[in-house]
Amino acid sequence: MLQTVDPLCHDSIVDRPRIVTYNLASVDGRLTLAPGVSLLAGDNRWTALTSEVGDPYEWVRQVHDPQVLLEGSGSFLAGDGDGEPVRREARGTAARPAGEHFLPDAVIGVPGRRWFAVVDGRGRVDLQFTEWPDPAWSGWHALVLTSEAASPDHLARLRERGIPYLVVGERHVDLPAAMSLLGSELRVRTVVCTGGGRLGGALLRAGLVDEIDIDLLPIVIGGRGTPALFDAPPLGPDEWPNRLDLLSVEQLARGRLRLRYTVVGRGPETEGRWQEDLRSSWN
């Protein structure tokens, strides 16, 4: 387990799994072709451009052996994801106290259980599966990280479908606390985030990212508002960028590159270390 200083309580140290972000991106860092295109569904152009990539998840699973693949709600929802929460009524499911997790032993107690987890603080994603239907993904089960802003009906529907959830945060998912709970409650050691720029950006700003992996496609997309890597709020005047150390570069077919970086940290101390490393590399 790794440790992170909770950004909401600087005196609090949070134990958590190792967290890696992985994305397919254009040379200019775009994750899809235009605003309003679902990251998971994509469109015919994106399918054509990535037709020779193969299954990127296969590489992720071989290299990192994650217990969790993490997506954001924006990967499922077209547009900016600010629509109203789903409020269909659930039937035949007993109510639970607000803020209580749902971790049924029949699901979480399965040996070797792994998770396809969705960060969905407001209860907008209507998951239609419990376990991944592909036999190659046997044992992978849906899991929702949500907050107290999700409606009781939405949580009841998850229970009705047998989908575990963790309630972490009041209006939004408290990511440091959620990652800590993945380790303590579900014995997760490694999380790979394959979600969009908002989730990646939130993890980065919270100091939760340990490694950044990018499969760089030889295309340039552009476009104002097109989803991009680490789409976080701008840095403040006293905030520093994250410094990275290059782990590896792999040249793939048809001009693609696979880049792997470890996240060093941010702040004046990492700036000085980085400049010292540069000087030593020149000598």
Protein backbone atom coordinates (compact mmCIF):
# COMPACT_ATOMS: atom_id res chain seq x y z
CA MET A 1 0.00 0.00 0.00
CA LEU A 2 1.13 3.56 -0.75
CA GLN A 3 0.44 6.74 1.20
CA THR A 4 -0.98 10.10 0.13
CA VAL A 5 -1.63 13.30 2.06
CA ASP A 6 -5.38 13.94 1.96
CA PRO A 7 -5.79 17.34 0.16
CA LEU A 8 -8.87 18.12 2.29
CA CYS A 9 -7.02 17.48 5.55
CA HIS A 10 -3.30 18.03 5.14
CA ASP A 11 -2.47 16.35 8.45
CA SER A 12 -4.14 13.11 7.35
CA ILE A 13 -2.11 10.36 5.66
CA VAL A 14 -4.17 8.02 3.47
CA ASP A 15 -3.06 4.44 2.77
CA ARG A 16 -4.06 3.43 -0.75
CA PRO A 17 -3.33 1.10 -3.68
CA ARG A 18 -0.89 1.95 -6.45
CA ILE A 19 -2.72 3.95 -9.15
CA VAL A 20 -1.86 4.00 -12.86
CA THR A 21 -3.63 5.99 -15.58
CA TYR A 22 -3.78 4.52 -19.09
CA ASN A 23 -5.28 6.14 -22.19
CA LEU A 24 -5.28 6.04 -25.96
CA ALA A 25 -4.67 9.63 -27.06
CA SER A 26 -3.84 11.71 -30.11
CA VAL A 27 -0.52 13.57 -30.38
CA ASP A 28 -2.28 16.65 -28.98
CA GLY A 29 -3.66 14.67 -26.04
CA ARG A 30 -7.27 14.30 -27.18
CA LEU A 31 -9.19 11.24 -25.99
CA THR A 32 -12.01 11.37 -28.52
CA LEU A 33 -12.90 13.27 -31.67
CA ALA A 34 -15.31 15.93 -30.41
CA PRO A 35 -17.30 17.07 -27.38
CA GLY A 36 -20.39 15.04 -26.68
CA VAL A 37 -18.99 11.70 -27.88
CA SER A 38 -19.12 8.87 -25.35
CA LEU A 39 -15.61 7.72 -24.53
CA LEU A 40 -16.64 4.07 -24.37
CA ALA A 41 -18.98 4.01 -27.37
CA GLY A 42 -16.91 6.38 -29.53
CA ASP A 43 -18.01 6.68 -33.16
CA ASN A 44 -17.19 5.10 -36.51
CA ARG A 45 -14.22 7.39 -37.14
CA TRP A 46 -12.58 6.55 -33.81
CA THR A 47 -13.21 2.85 -34.46
CA ALA A 48 -11.50 3.13 -37.84
CA LEU A 49 -8.53 5.08 -36.45
CA THR A 50 -7.95 2.51 -33.68
CA SER A 51 -8.84 -0.64 -35.65
CA GLU A 52 -5.24 -1.94 -35.59
CA VAL A 53 -4.60 -1.16 -31.93
CA GLY A 54 -6.09 -4.44 -30.72
CA ASP A 55 -7.31 -4.80 -27.15
CA PRO A 56 -5.37 -2.28 -25.04
CA TYR A 57 -6.79 -3.79 -21.86
CA GLU A 58 -4.88 -7.00 -22.59
CA TRP A 59 -1.56 -5.13 -22.31
CA VAL A 60 -2.74 -3.32 -19.16
CA ARG A 61 -3.71 -6.59 -17.50
CA GLN A 62 -0.45 -8.30 -18.41
CA VAL A 63 1.82 -5.45 -17.28
CA HIS A 64 0.01 -4.16 -14.18
CA ASP A 65 -2.18 -7.08 -13.04
CA PRO A 66 -4.80 -4.66 -11.65
CA GLN A 67 -7.56 -5.66 -9.28
CA VAL A 68 -9.57 -2.60 -10.40
CA LEU A 69 -10.15 -0.95 -13.77
CA LEU A 70 -11.56 2.50 -13.03
CA GLU A 71 -13.87 4.56 -15.25
CA GLY A 72 -15.64 7.87 -14.70
CA SER A 73 -19.31 8.54 -15.30
CA GLY A 74 -18.34 10.69 -18.32
CA SER A 75 -17.17 7.56 -20.15
CA PHE A 76 -20.80 6.39 -20.21
CA LEU A 77 -22.61 9.72 -20.63
CA ALA A 78 -22.45 11.76 -23.82
CA GLY A 79 -21.95 15.48 -23.37
CA ASP A 80 -20.46 17.10 -20.30
CA GLY A 81 -22.15 14.73 -17.89
CA ASP A 82 -24.12 17.45 -16.10
CA GLY A 83 -27.52 15.98 -16.78
CA GLU A 84 -30.01 14.98 -14.11
CA PRO A 85 -29.38 11.79 -12.14
CA VAL A 86 -31.25 8.65 -13.16
CA ARG A 87 -34.37 8.36 -11.00
CA ARG A 88 -36.19 5.19 -12.05
CA GLU A 89 -37.94 3.56 -9.13
CA ALA A 90 -36.48 0.31 -7.81
CA ARG A 91 -38.83 -2.42 -6.59
CA GLY A 92 -38.59 -5.07 -3.93
CA THR A 93 -35.38 -3.87 -2.24
CA ALA A 94 -35.22 -2.90 1.42
CA ALA A 95 -34.02 0.61 2.22
CA ARG A 96 -30.60 1.11 3.80
CA PRO A 97 -29.35 3.99 5.96
CA ALA A 98 -27.93 6.91 3.97
CA GLY A 99 -24.16 6.72 3.54
CA GLU A 100 -23.96 2.97 4.17
CA HIS A 101 -21.84 0.84 1.84
CA PHE A 102 -23.26 -2.21 0.06
CA LEU A 103 -20.68 -5.02 0.02
CA PRO A 104 -22.50 -8.36 -0.09
CA ASP A 105 -20.35 -11.32 0.94
CA ALA A 106 -21.70 -13.41 -1.95
CA VAL A 107 -20.01 -10.98 -4.37
CA ILE A 108 -16.92 -9.63 -2.63
CA GLY A 109 -16.04 -12.96 -1.03
CA VAL A 110 -15.35 -14.72 -4.33
CA PRO A 111 -11.65 -15.72 -4.48
CA GLY A 112 -9.71 -13.73 -7.06
CA ARG A 113 -12.53 -11.21 -7.50
CA ARG A 114 -11.63 -8.18 -9.64
CA TRP A 115 -13.59 -5.04 -10.31
CA PHE A 116 -14.76 -2.84 -13.14
CA ALA A 117 -15.41 0.26 -11.02
CA VAL A 118 -17.26 3.44 -11.97
CA VAL A 119 -16.93 6.79 -10.19
CA ASP A 120 -20.52 8.05 -10.22
CA GLY A 121 -21.07 10.54 -7.42
CA ARG A 122 -24.57 11.64 -8.42
CA GLY A 123 -26.02 8.31 -9.51
CA ARG A 124 -26.33 9.02 -13.23
CA VAL A 125 -24.93 5.82 -14.75
CA ASP A 126 -27.48 3.05 -15.27
CA LEU A 127 -25.21 0.00 -15.34
CA GLN A 128 -26.73 -2.88 -17.30
CA PHE A 129 -24.29 -5.62 -16.25
CA THR A 130 -22.98 -7.16 -13.06
CA GLU A 131 -20.18 -9.41 -14.31
CA TRP A 132 -18.37 -8.70 -17.58
CA PRO A 133 -20.00 -10.94 -20.24
CA ASP A 134 -16.77 -11.84 -22.08
CA PRO A 135 -15.37 -15.21 -20.85
CA ALA A 136 -11.87 -13.71 -20.99
CA TRP A 137 -13.00 -11.36 -18.21
CA SER A 138 -14.45 -14.03 -15.94
CA GLY A 139 -14.47 -12.88 -12.33
CA TRP A 140 -14.61 -9.14 -13.11
CA HIS A 141 -17.65 -7.58 -11.42
CA ALA A 142 -19.22 -4.13 -11.52
CA LEU A 143 -18.56 -1.81 -8.57
CA VAL A 144 -19.76 1.77 -8.04
CA LEU A 145 -17.99 4.52 -6.10
CA THR A 146 -20.67 7.07 -5.26
CA SER A 147 -21.59 9.80 -2.77
CA GLU A 148 -24.50 10.85 -0.58
CA ALA A 149 -25.81 12.87 -3.56
CA ALA A 150 -26.96 9.66 -5.27
CA SER A 151 -30.69 9.13 -4.86
CA PRO A 152 -32.06 6.33 -2.63
CA ASP A 153 -33.83 4.91 -5.69
CA HIS A 154 -30.55 4.66 -7.57
CA LEU A 155 -28.81 2.88 -4.71
CA ALA A 156 -31.77 0.54 -4.30
CA ARG A 157 -31.54 -0.34 -7.99
CA LEU A 158 -27.85 -1.21 -7.58
CA ARG A 159 -28.71 -3.48 -4.65
CA GLU A 160 -31.51 -5.05 -6.67
CA ARG A 161 -28.98 -5.91 -9.39
CA GLY A 162 -26.37 -7.15 -6.93
CA ILE A 163 -23.88 -4.37 -7.73
CA PRO A 164 -21.72 -3.42 -4.72
CA TYR A 165 -21.10 0.24 -3.97
CA LEU A 166 -19.09 2.45 -1.63
CA VAL A 167 -20.62 5.76 -0.48
CA VAL A 168 -17.69 8.17 -0.02
CA GLY A 169 -18.29 11.92 0.19
CA GLU A 170 -21.27 14.26 0.48
CA ARG A 171 -21.81 15.83 -2.95
CA HIS A 172 -18.93 14.25 -4.88
CA VAL A 173 -16.83 11.14 -4.51
CA ASP A 174 -13.95 11.73 -2.08
CA LEU A 175 -11.25 10.11 -4.22
CA PRO A 176 -8.51 9.73 -1.57
CA ALA A 177 -10.99 8.11 0.83
CA ALA A 178 -12.44 5.94 -1.94
CA MET A 179 -9.01 4.67 -2.99
CA SER A 180 -8.18 3.94 0.64
CA LEU A 181 -11.40 1.92 1.03
CA LEU A 182 -10.59 -0.12 -2.07
CA GLY A 183 -7.46 -1.26 -0.27
CA SER A 184 -8.92 -1.77 3.20
CA GLU A 185 -12.33 -3.22 2.27
CA LEU A 186 -11.54 -5.09 -0.96
CA ARG A 187 -7.78 -5.78 -0.59
CA VAL A 188 -6.99 -3.96 -3.84
CA ARG A 189 -3.28 -3.47 -4.54
CA THR A 190 -3.33 -1.87 -8.01
CA VAL A 191 -5.88 0.38 -9.75
CA VAL A 192 -5.63 1.25 -13.45
CA CYS A 193 -7.74 4.26 -14.42
CA THR A 194 -8.85 4.12 -18.05
CA GLY A 195 -11.39 6.92 -17.62
CA GLY A 196 -11.54 10.31 -19.25
CA GLY A 197 -9.72 13.56 -18.61
CA ARG A 198 -11.88 14.77 -15.73
CA LEU A 199 -11.33 11.65 -13.64
CA GLY A 200 -7.64 11.51 -14.55
CA GLY A 201 -7.27 15.19 -13.74
CA ALA A 202 -9.02 14.82 -10.39
CA LEU A 203 -6.78 11.90 -9.44
CA LEU A 204 -3.69 13.86 -10.48
CA ARG A 205 -4.65 17.00 -8.55
CA ALA A 206 -5.33 14.84 -5.48
CA GLY A 207 -1.80 13.43 -5.66
CA LEU A 208 -3.08 9.92 -6.29
CA VAL A 209 -1.37 9.03 -9.60
CA ASP A 210 1.83 6.96 -9.45
CA GLU A 211 2.30 6.13 -13.14
CA ILE A 212 1.01 7.56 -16.43
CA ASP A 213 0.83 5.28 -19.48
CA ILE A 214 -0.22 6.64 -22.88
CA ASP A 215 -0.62 4.90 -26.21
CA LEU A 216 0.01 7.83 -28.55
CA LEU A 217 -1.83 7.67 -31.88
CA PRO A 218 -0.25 9.43 -34.91
CA ILE A 219 -3.19 11.78 -35.37
CA VAL A 220 -3.97 15.39 -34.41
CA ILE A 221 -7.58 16.24 -33.52
CA GLY A 222 -7.74 19.74 -32.02
CA GLY A 223 -11.07 21.33 -31.22
CA ARG A 224 -12.05 23.55 -28.30
CA GLY A 225 -13.69 21.52 -25.57
CA THR A 226 -12.69 18.14 -27.01
CA PRO A 227 -11.96 15.78 -24.08
CA ALA A 228 -8.24 15.67 -23.30
CA LEU A 229 -5.84 14.05 -20.86
CA PHE A 230 -5.96 15.35 -17.26
CA ASP A 231 -8.70 17.93 -17.79
CA ALA A 232 -8.36 19.50 -14.34
CA PRO A 233 -8.86 23.08 -13.10
CA PRO A 234 -5.99 25.44 -13.98
CA LEU A 235 -3.01 25.58 -11.65
CA GLY A 236 -3.07 28.38 -9.13
CA PRO A 237 -0.21 30.90 -8.90
CA ASP A 238 1.46 28.89 -6.12
CA GLU A 239 0.84 25.44 -7.62
CA TRP A 240 3.43 23.51 -9.60
CA PRO A 241 3.09 20.99 -12.44
CA ASN A 242 3.71 17.32 -11.77
CA ARG A 243 7.21 16.22 -12.69
CA LEU A 244 7.58 12.88 -14.48
CA ASP A 245 10.43 10.44 -14.96
CA LEU A 246 10.42 8.45 -18.19
CA LEU A 247 10.18 4.71 -17.59
CA SER A 248 10.07 3.49 -21.20
CA VAL A 249 9.21 4.31 -24.81
CA GLU A 250 8.02 1.56 -27.12
CA GLN A 251 7.58 2.11 -30.85
CA LEU A 252 4.54 0.23 -32.08
CA ALA A 253 3.07 -0.43 -35.52
CA ARG A 254 2.04 2.39 -37.87
CA GLY A 255 3.67 5.22 -35.98
CA ARG A 256 2.16 4.60 -32.55
CA LEU A 257 4.20 5.14 -29.40
CA ARG A 258 3.66 3.68 -25.95
CA LEU A 259 4.95 6.04 -23.25
CA ARG A 260 5.31 5.15 -19.59
CA TYR A 261 6.15 7.72 -16.91
CA THR A 262 6.41 7.57 -13.14
CA VAL A 263 5.03 10.60 -11.28
CA VAL A 264 7.81 12.19 -9.21
CA GLY A 265 5.75 14.86 -7.45
CA ARG A 266 5.26 18.59 -7.65
CA GLY A 267 6.53 21.68 -5.91
CA PRO A 268 9.79 23.64 -5.73
CA GLU A 269 11.66 20.64 -4.32
CA THR A 270 10.88 18.53 -7.40
CA GLU A 271 11.72 21.48 -9.66
CA GLY A 272 15.20 21.67 -8.14
CA ARG A 273 15.68 17.92 -8.39
CA TRP A 274 14.58 17.94 -12.04
CA GLN A 275 17.01 20.70 -12.97
CA GLU A 276 19.83 18.86 -11.18
CA ASP A 277 19.00 15.69 -13.15
CA LEU A 278 19.07 17.70 -16.38
CA ARG A 279 22.49 19.15 -15.59
CA SER A 280 23.90 15.73 -14.78
CA SER A 281 22.54 14.34 -18.06
CA TRP A 282 24.32 17.10 -20.00
CA ASN A 283 27.72 16.38 -18.35
